[in-house]
Amino acid sequence: MYLSIIFRNKYVLGFAGGSKSHKELFRSYGMLEDRIFLMPMMVDNKKFYCDSKVFPRPFTFLYVGRIIKHKNVEVLIQQFNANFFDKNAILRIVGLGVESDYLKTKYESNKVSFSGKLFSQDLINAFHNASCFICPSLFEPWGLVVNEALSSGLPVIATKEVGACCDLITGKETGLIAENNNELGEKMLQLFKDENLLRRYSVNASTLMKEYWNYSLYESCLNDAIKKVEQWR
């Protein structure tokens, strides 16, 4: 009730990080469309740009993030082990969390590695030395790590619960969206088997982040909001 009152005020603006679910939140509380502005969820893309993407051998799936329950990392490992036990592929897990020790003890092998937390150039190198990025979350309002992966020229496989899917994957040909856990493994196999698709998605990923979803877009959206406020003077 409180938010409905606040959001219906004509002098209140809504700043949505994405164009779908984030904007729908403001609409659901009665905010009018002309007061809702895209203020895109953003990272410093340039840090992750890769001038000449090289796909490693073995094929390297990469996960970067917290290792906690709703990130669905155990299911990712299970899907990888079920589908790639006899294939030239590895899974690299980067990050820490309450499930780290449990998962490492249970699953670490010559095909599944745990790198712990990485920072700065070490993290950038992890993106650059991967073939495909996986975001398997059961709940993810956005997922800035998707921005980082795409900026690195990595195709992304994400679950439909990842908020960034709408703006950065759907209709963009930068990756694949899995509807459920089994489909996650199927999408991984699809990119593993289709090198042409992998490379096309890689080029599209880099292009999207270099030419559209970047600080220039953020500046444009901010200026639109400022013009709206200036009308009230």
C-alpha atoms as a PDB file:
ATOM      1  CA  MET A   1       0.000   0.000   0.000  1.00  0.00           C
ATOM      2  CA  TYR A   2       2.797   2.381   0.920  1.00  0.00           C
ATOM      3  CA  LEU A   3       4.669   1.810  -2.352  1.00  0.00           C
ATOM      4  CA  SER A   4       1.452   2.210  -4.344  1.00  0.00           C
ATOM      5  CA  ILE A   5       0.954   5.662  -2.837  1.00  0.00           C
ATOM      6  CA  ILE A   6       4.582   6.700  -3.409  1.00  0.00           C
ATOM      7  CA  PHE A   7       4.873   5.330  -6.935  1.00  0.00           C
ATOM      8  CA  ARG A   8       1.675   7.000  -8.116  1.00  0.00           C
ATOM      9  CA  ASN A   9       3.039  10.448  -7.226  1.00  0.00           C
ATOM     10  CA  LYS A  10       3.688  12.395 -10.428  1.00  0.00           C
ATOM     11  CA  TYR A  11       7.012  13.675  -9.087  1.00  0.00           C
ATOM     12  CA  VAL A  12       8.430  10.206  -8.442  1.00  0.00           C
ATOM     13  CA  LEU A  13      10.479   8.470 -11.144  1.00  0.00           C
ATOM     14  CA  GLY A  14      11.322   4.805 -11.464  1.00  0.00           C
ATOM     15  CA  PHE A  15      14.808   3.734 -12.527  1.00  0.00           C
ATOM     16  CA  ALA A  16      14.757   0.184 -13.879  1.00  0.00           C
ATOM     17  CA  GLY A  17      17.944  -1.813 -14.339  1.00  0.00           C
ATOM     18  CA  GLY A  18      16.377  -3.844 -17.139  1.00  0.00           C
ATOM     19  CA  SER A  19      13.584  -3.390 -19.639  1.00  0.00           C
ATOM     20  CA  LYS A  20      11.320  -6.258 -18.524  1.00  0.00           C
ATOM     21  CA  SER A  21      10.909  -7.465 -14.930  1.00  0.00           C
ATOM     22  CA  HIS A  22      12.489  -4.347 -13.432  1.00  0.00           C
ATOM     23  CA  LYS A  23      10.068  -2.061 -15.264  1.00  0.00           C
ATOM     24  CA  GLU A  24       7.146  -4.356 -14.496  1.00  0.00           C
ATOM     25  CA  LEU A  25       7.813  -3.887 -10.789  1.00  0.00           C
ATOM     26  CA  PHE A  26       7.145  -0.155 -11.070  1.00  0.00           C
ATOM     27  CA  ARG A  27       4.087  -0.733 -13.239  1.00  0.00           C
ATOM     28  CA  SER A  28       2.655  -3.174 -10.721  1.00  0.00           C
ATOM     29  CA  TYR A  29       2.557  -0.399  -8.112  1.00  0.00           C
ATOM     30  CA  GLY A  30       0.775   1.987 -10.459  1.00  0.00           C
ATOM     31  CA  MET A  31       3.621   4.089 -11.811  1.00  0.00           C
ATOM     32  CA  LEU A  32       2.816   5.569 -15.223  1.00  0.00           C
ATOM     33  CA  GLU A  33       4.917   4.517 -18.199  1.00  0.00           C
ATOM     34  CA  ASP A  34       6.311   7.999 -18.925  1.00  0.00           C
ATOM     35  CA  ARG A  35       7.880   8.124 -15.438  1.00  0.00           C
ATOM     36  CA  ILE A  36       9.716   4.799 -15.747  1.00  0.00           C
ATOM     37  CA  PHE A  37      13.251   5.067 -17.114  1.00  0.00           C
ATOM     38  CA  LEU A  38      15.728   2.394 -18.094  1.00  0.00           C
ATOM     39  CA  MET A  39      18.899   2.814 -16.064  1.00  0.00           C
ATOM     40  CA  PRO A  40      20.789  -0.238 -17.331  1.00  0.00           C
ATOM     41  CA  MET A  41      22.632  -2.582 -15.009  1.00  0.00           C
ATOM     42  CA  MET A  42      26.222  -1.999 -15.994  1.00  0.00           C
ATOM     43  CA  VAL A  43      29.849  -2.986 -15.504  1.00  0.00           C
ATOM     44  CA  ASP A  44      32.994  -1.454 -16.976  1.00  0.00           C
ATOM     45  CA  ASN A  45      32.820  -3.478 -20.195  1.00  0.00           C
ATOM     46  CA  LYS A  46      36.200  -2.286 -21.464  1.00  0.00           C
ATOM     47  CA  LYS A  47      38.023  -4.161 -18.712  1.00  0.00           C
ATOM     48  CA  PHE A  48      36.813  -7.438 -20.195  1.00  0.00           C
ATOM     49  CA  TYR A  49      37.107  -6.835 -23.947  1.00  0.00           C
ATOM     50  CA  CYS A  50      39.021  -9.508 -25.817  1.00  0.00           C
ATOM     51  CA  ASP A  51      40.465  -8.300 -29.126  1.00  0.00           C
ATOM     52  CA  SER A  52      40.932 -11.741 -30.635  1.00  0.00           C
ATOM     53  CA  LYS A  53      38.924 -14.475 -28.940  1.00  0.00           C
ATOM     54  CA  VAL A  54      40.641 -17.860 -28.880  1.00  0.00           C
ATOM     55  CA  PHE A  55      38.601 -20.885 -27.853  1.00  0.00           C
ATOM     56  CA  PRO A  56      40.670 -23.203 -25.663  1.00  0.00           C
ATOM     57  CA  ARG A  57      41.075 -26.940 -25.847  1.00  0.00           C
ATOM     58  CA  PRO A  58      39.723 -28.681 -23.943  1.00  0.00           C
ATOM     59  CA  PHE A  59      36.390 -26.895 -24.258  1.00  0.00           C
ATOM     60  CA  THR A  60      36.080 -24.870 -21.037  1.00  0.00           C
ATOM     61  CA  PHE A  61      32.782 -24.133 -19.334  1.00  0.00           C
ATOM     62  CA  LEU A  62      33.095 -21.340 -16.761  1.00  0.00           C
ATOM     63  CA  TYR A  63      31.055 -20.410 -13.695  1.00  0.00           C
ATOM     64  CA  VAL A  64      31.881 -17.282 -11.700  1.00  0.00           C
ATOM     65  CA  GLY A  65      29.948 -16.287  -8.587  1.00  0.00           C
ATOM     66  CA  ARG A  66      29.076 -17.140  -5.029  1.00  0.00           C
ATOM     67  CA  ILE A  67      28.833 -20.824  -4.258  1.00  0.00           C
ATOM     68  CA  ILE A  68      25.548 -20.876  -2.386  1.00  0.00           C
ATOM     69  CA  LYS A  69      22.354 -22.901  -2.731  1.00  0.00           C
ATOM     70  CA  HIS A  70      20.272 -20.674  -5.019  1.00  0.00           C
ATOM     71  CA  LYS A  71      23.160 -20.313  -7.462  1.00  0.00           C
ATOM     72  CA  ASN A  72      22.482 -23.956  -8.384  1.00  0.00           C
ATOM     73  CA  VAL A  73      26.165 -24.830  -8.757  1.00  0.00           C
ATOM     74  CA  GLU A  74      25.730 -28.468  -7.704  1.00  0.00           C
ATOM     75  CA  VAL A  75      23.160 -29.052 -10.444  1.00  0.00           C
ATOM     76  CA  LEU A  76      25.538 -27.441 -12.948  1.00  0.00           C
ATOM     77  CA  ILE A  77      28.272 -29.880 -11.920  1.00  0.00           C
ATOM     78  CA  GLN A  78      25.877 -32.828 -12.078  1.00  0.00           C
ATOM     79  CA  GLN A  79      24.714 -31.860 -15.563  1.00  0.00           C
ATOM     80  CA  PHE A  80      28.298 -31.435 -16.707  1.00  0.00           C
ATOM     81  CA  ASN A  81      29.376 -34.808 -15.296  1.00  0.00           C
ATOM     82  CA  ALA A  82      26.371 -36.562 -16.834  1.00  0.00           C
ATOM     83  CA  ASN A  83      26.895 -35.117 -20.310  1.00  0.00           C
ATOM     84  CA  PHE A  84      30.652 -34.627 -20.628  1.00  0.00           C
ATOM     85  CA  PHE A  85      32.295 -37.540 -18.779  1.00  0.00           C
ATOM     86  CA  ASP A  86      33.540 -38.911 -22.115  1.00  0.00           C
ATOM     87  CA  LYS A  87      34.137 -35.608 -23.927  1.00  0.00           C
ATOM     88  CA  ASN A  88      37.076 -33.236 -24.223  1.00  0.00           C
ATOM     89  CA  ALA A  89      35.632 -30.592 -21.896  1.00  0.00           C
ATOM     90  CA  ILE A  90      36.240 -29.207 -18.422  1.00  0.00           C
ATOM     91  CA  LEU A  91      34.217 -27.154 -15.971  1.00  0.00           C
ATOM     92  CA  ARG A  92      35.922 -24.396 -14.008  1.00  0.00           C
ATOM     93  CA  ILE A  93      34.235 -23.036 -10.867  1.00  0.00           C
ATOM     94  CA  VAL A  94      35.410 -19.589  -9.704  1.00  0.00           C
ATOM     95  CA  GLY A  95      34.169 -18.199  -6.401  1.00  0.00           C
ATOM     96  CA  LEU A  96      33.578 -19.037  -2.754  1.00  0.00           C
ATOM     97  CA  GLY A  97      30.582 -19.607  -0.516  1.00  0.00           C
ATOM     98  CA  VAL A  98      29.052 -21.783   2.150  1.00  0.00           C
ATOM     99  CA  GLU A  99      28.850 -24.749  -0.259  1.00  0.00           C
ATOM    100  CA  SER A 100      32.453 -24.472  -1.469  1.00  0.00           C
ATOM    101  CA  ASP A 101      34.030 -27.134   0.748  1.00  0.00           C
ATOM    102  CA  TYR A 102      31.150 -29.561   0.303  1.00  0.00           C
ATOM    103  CA  LEU A 103      31.135 -29.293  -3.490  1.00  0.00           C
ATOM    104  CA  LYS A 104      34.905 -29.392  -3.777  1.00  0.00           C
ATOM    105  CA  THR A 105      35.171 -32.506  -1.622  1.00  0.00           C
ATOM    106  CA  LYS A 106      32.382 -34.263  -3.514  1.00  0.00           C
ATOM    107  CA  TYR A 107      33.054 -33.252  -7.117  1.00  0.00           C
ATOM    108  CA  GLU A 108      36.601 -31.997  -7.714  1.00  0.00           C
ATOM    109  CA  SER A 109      38.289 -34.045 -10.418  1.00  0.00           C
ATOM    110  CA  ASN A 110      40.528 -33.735 -13.438  1.00  0.00           C
ATOM    111  CA  LYS A 111      37.450 -32.370 -15.292  1.00  0.00           C
ATOM    112  CA  VAL A 112      35.897 -30.182 -12.567  1.00  0.00           C
ATOM    113  CA  SER A 113      38.171 -27.605 -10.917  1.00  0.00           C
ATOM    114  CA  PHE A 114      37.614 -25.078  -8.126  1.00  0.00           C
ATOM    115  CA  SER A 115      39.708 -21.900  -8.407  1.00  0.00           C
ATOM    116  CA  GLY A 116      38.441 -20.037  -5.351  1.00  0.00           C
ATOM    117  CA  LYS A 117      37.947 -16.302  -5.566  1.00  0.00           C
ATOM    118  CA  LEU A 118      39.758 -14.405  -8.314  1.00  0.00           C
ATOM    119  CA  PHE A 119      40.308 -10.665  -8.690  1.00  0.00           C
ATOM    120  CA  SER A 120      41.498  -8.113 -11.267  1.00  0.00           C
ATOM    121  CA  GLN A 121      43.564  -9.577 -14.097  1.00  0.00           C
ATOM    122  CA  ASP A 122      43.258 -13.135 -12.782  1.00  0.00           C
ATOM    123  CA  LEU A 123      39.477 -12.895 -13.096  1.00  0.00           C
ATOM    124  CA  ILE A 124      39.695 -11.343 -16.557  1.00  0.00           C
ATOM    125  CA  ASN A 125      42.049 -14.143 -17.627  1.00  0.00           C
ATOM    126  CA  ALA A 126      39.511 -16.719 -16.436  1.00  0.00           C
ATOM    127  CA  PHE A 127      36.908 -15.207 -18.766  1.00  0.00           C
ATOM    128  CA  HIS A 128      39.345 -14.935 -21.668  1.00  0.00           C
ATOM    129  CA  ASN A 129      40.497 -18.541 -21.271  1.00  0.00           C
ATOM    130  CA  ALA A 130      36.984 -20.021 -21.334  1.00  0.00           C
ATOM    131  CA  SER A 131      34.740 -21.233 -24.156  1.00  0.00           C
ATOM    132  CA  CYS A 132      31.311 -20.597 -22.669  1.00  0.00           C
ATOM    133  CA  PHE A 133      29.869 -19.050 -19.508  1.00  0.00           C
ATOM    134  CA  ILE A 134      27.138 -20.717 -17.428  1.00  0.00           C
ATOM    135  CA  CYS A 135      24.734 -18.877 -15.115  1.00  0.00           C
ATOM    136  CA  PRO A 136      22.533 -21.628 -13.609  1.00  0.00           C
ATOM    137  CA  SER A 137      20.817 -19.624 -10.836  1.00  0.00           C
ATOM    138  CA  LEU A 138      17.406 -20.508  -9.448  1.00  0.00           C
ATOM    139  CA  PHE A 139      16.930 -16.821  -8.580  1.00  0.00           C
ATOM    140  CA  GLU A 140      18.873 -13.888 -10.043  1.00  0.00           C
ATOM    141  CA  PRO A 141      17.349 -10.378 -10.261  1.00  0.00           C
ATOM    142  CA  TRP A 142      20.013  -9.465 -12.830  1.00  0.00           C
ATOM    143  CA  GLY A 143      23.466 -11.091 -12.786  1.00  0.00           C
ATOM    144  CA  LEU A 144      26.237  -8.602 -13.605  1.00  0.00           C
ATOM    145  CA  VAL A 145      28.571 -11.501 -14.251  1.00  0.00           C
ATOM    146  CA  VAL A 146      26.604 -12.037 -17.484  1.00  0.00           C
ATOM    147  CA  ASN A 147      27.699  -8.537 -18.572  1.00  0.00           C
ATOM    148  CA  GLU A 148      31.307  -9.462 -17.825  1.00  0.00           C
ATOM    149  CA  ALA A 149      31.110 -12.729 -19.738  1.00  0.00           C
ATOM    150  CA  LEU A 150      29.502 -11.207 -22.826  1.00  0.00           C
ATOM    151  CA  SER A 151      32.017  -8.357 -22.807  1.00  0.00           C
ATOM    152  CA  SER A 152      34.727 -11.029 -22.850  1.00  0.00           C
ATOM    153  CA  GLY A 153      33.229 -12.542 -25.991  1.00  0.00           C
ATOM    154  CA  LEU A 154      31.772 -15.550 -24.188  1.00  0.00           C
ATOM    155  CA  PRO A 155      28.440 -17.020 -25.232  1.00  0.00           C
ATOM    156  CA  VAL A 156      26.252 -17.409 -22.143  1.00  0.00           C
ATOM    157  CA  ILE A 157      23.951 -20.241 -21.122  1.00  0.00           C
ATOM    158  CA  ALA A 158      21.586 -19.027 -18.402  1.00  0.00           C
ATOM    159  CA  THR A 159      18.476 -20.288 -16.692  1.00  0.00           C
ATOM    160  CA  LYS A 160      15.256 -18.402 -17.369  1.00  0.00           C
ATOM    161  CA  GLU A 161      15.342 -17.042 -13.814  1.00  0.00           C
ATOM    162  CA  VAL A 162      18.340 -14.818 -14.612  1.00  0.00           C
ATOM    163  CA  GLY A 163      17.100 -11.230 -14.994  1.00  0.00           C
ATOM    164  CA  ALA A 164      19.739 -10.258 -17.545  1.00  0.00           C
ATOM    165  CA  CYS A 165      18.338 -12.761 -20.072  1.00  0.00           C
ATOM    166  CA  CYS A 166      15.662 -10.419 -21.426  1.00  0.00           C
ATOM    167  CA  ASP A 167      18.023  -7.585 -22.363  1.00  0.00           C
ATOM    168  CA  LEU A 168      21.259  -9.437 -23.065  1.00  0.00           C
ATOM    169  CA  ILE A 169      20.309 -12.855 -24.489  1.00  0.00           C
ATOM    170  CA  THR A 170      16.693 -13.053 -25.696  1.00  0.00           C
ATOM    171  CA  GLY A 171      16.575 -12.132 -29.386  1.00  0.00           C
ATOM    172  CA  LYS A 172      20.252 -11.143 -29.339  1.00  0.00           C
ATOM    173  CA  GLU A 173      21.832 -14.479 -30.378  1.00  0.00           C
ATOM    174  CA  THR A 174      24.461 -14.146 -27.665  1.00  0.00           C
ATOM    175  CA  GLY A 175      23.622 -17.369 -25.852  1.00  0.00           C
ATOM    176  CA  LEU A 176      20.935 -19.845 -24.829  1.00  0.00           C
ATOM    177  CA  ILE A 177      18.287 -19.874 -22.100  1.00  0.00           C
ATOM    178  CA  ALA A 178      17.449 -23.087 -20.234  1.00  0.00           C
ATOM    179  CA  GLU A 179      13.925 -23.682 -18.956  1.00  0.00           C
ATOM    180  CA  ASN A 180      14.963 -26.345 -16.422  1.00  0.00           C
ATOM    181  CA  ASN A 181      17.954 -28.275 -15.073  1.00  0.00           C
ATOM    182  CA  ASN A 182      17.944 -30.978 -17.739  1.00  0.00           C
ATOM    183  CA  GLU A 183      17.759 -28.374 -20.471  1.00  0.00           C
ATOM    184  CA  LEU A 184      20.816 -26.715 -18.949  1.00  0.00           C
ATOM    185  CA  GLY A 185      22.843 -29.791 -19.840  1.00  0.00           C
ATOM    186  CA  GLU A 186      21.242 -29.967 -23.283  1.00  0.00           C
ATOM    187  CA  LYS A 187      22.182 -26.357 -24.044  1.00  0.00           C
ATOM    188  CA  MET A 188      25.750 -27.028 -22.921  1.00  0.00           C
ATOM    189  CA  LEU A 189      25.939 -29.957 -25.346  1.00  0.00           C
ATOM    190  CA  GLN A 190      24.471 -27.835 -28.131  1.00  0.00           C
ATOM    191  CA  LEU A 191      27.211 -25.204 -27.934  1.00  0.00           C
ATOM    192  CA  PHE A 192      29.902 -27.826 -27.399  1.00  0.00           C
ATOM    193  CA  LYS A 193      28.913 -29.635 -30.602  1.00  0.00           C
ATOM    194  CA  ASP A 194      28.279 -26.590 -32.824  1.00  0.00           C
ATOM    195  CA  GLU A 195      31.453 -24.560 -33.256  1.00  0.00           C
ATOM    196  CA  ASN A 196      29.872 -22.243 -35.824  1.00  0.00           C
ATOM    197  CA  LEU A 197      27.081 -21.358 -33.405  1.00  0.00           C
ATOM    198  CA  LEU A 198      29.594 -20.850 -30.611  1.00  0.00           C
ATOM    199  CA  ARG A 199      31.664 -18.445 -32.697  1.00  0.00           C
ATOM    200  CA  ARG A 200      28.628 -16.535 -33.973  1.00  0.00           C
ATOM    201  CA  TYR A 201      27.331 -16.046 -30.456  1.00  0.00           C
ATOM    202  CA  SER A 202      30.784 -14.923 -29.367  1.00  0.00           C
ATOM    203  CA  VAL A 203      30.933 -12.210 -32.025  1.00  0.00           C
ATOM    204  CA  ASN A 204      27.377 -11.110 -31.232  1.00  0.00           C
ATOM    205  CA  ALA A 205      28.183 -10.955 -27.511  1.00  0.00           C
ATOM    206  CA  SER A 206      31.166  -8.674 -28.045  1.00  0.00           C
ATOM    207  CA  THR A 207      29.253  -6.497 -30.491  1.00  0.00           C
ATOM    208  CA  LEU A 208      26.287  -6.063 -28.147  1.00  0.00           C
ATOM    209  CA  MET A 209      28.450  -4.907 -25.267  1.00  0.00           C
ATOM    210  CA  LYS A 210      30.740  -2.705 -27.348  1.00  0.00           C
ATOM    211  CA  GLU A 211      28.054  -1.014 -29.423  1.00  0.00           C
ATOM    212  CA  TYR A 212      24.946  -0.930 -27.244  1.00  0.00           C
ATOM    213  CA  TRP A 213      24.796  -2.103 -23.606  1.00  0.00           C
ATOM    214  CA  ASN A 214      27.546   0.167 -22.302  1.00  0.00           C
ATOM    215  CA  TYR A 215      28.148   3.482 -20.530  1.00  0.00           C
ATOM    216  CA  SER A 216      26.955   5.419 -23.574  1.00  0.00           C
ATOM    217  CA  LEU A 217      23.540   3.798 -23.195  1.00  0.00           C
ATOM    218  CA  TYR A 218      23.629   4.581 -19.477  1.00  0.00           C
ATOM    219  CA  GLU A 219      24.432   8.238 -20.178  1.00  0.00           C
ATOM    220  CA  SER A 220      21.606   8.476 -22.716  1.00  0.00           C
ATOM    221  CA  CYS A 221      19.102   6.993 -20.263  1.00  0.00           C
ATOM    222  CA  LEU A 222      20.281   9.327 -17.505  1.00  0.00           C
ATOM    223  CA  ASN A 223      19.883  12.351 -19.771  1.00  0.00           C
ATOM    224  CA  ASP A 224      16.319  11.305 -20.582  1.00  0.00           C
ATOM    225  CA  ALA A 225      15.510  11.257 -16.875  1.00  0.00           C
ATOM    226  CA  ILE A 226      17.158  14.639 -16.317  1.00  0.00           C
ATOM    227  CA  LYS A 227      15.055  16.166 -19.098  1.00  0.00           C
ATOM    228  CA  LYS A 228      11.944  14.853 -17.360  1.00  0.00           C
ATOM    229  CA  VAL A 229      12.946  16.472 -14.082  1.00  0.00           C
ATOM    230  CA  GLU A 230      13.718  19.755 -15.836  1.00  0.00           C
ATOM    231  CA  GLN A 231      10.102  19.921 -16.968  1.00  0.00           C
ATOM    232  CA  TRP A 232       9.074  20.340 -13.323  1.00  0.00           C
ATOM    233  CA  ARG A 233      11.113  23.531 -12.801  1.00  0.00           C
END
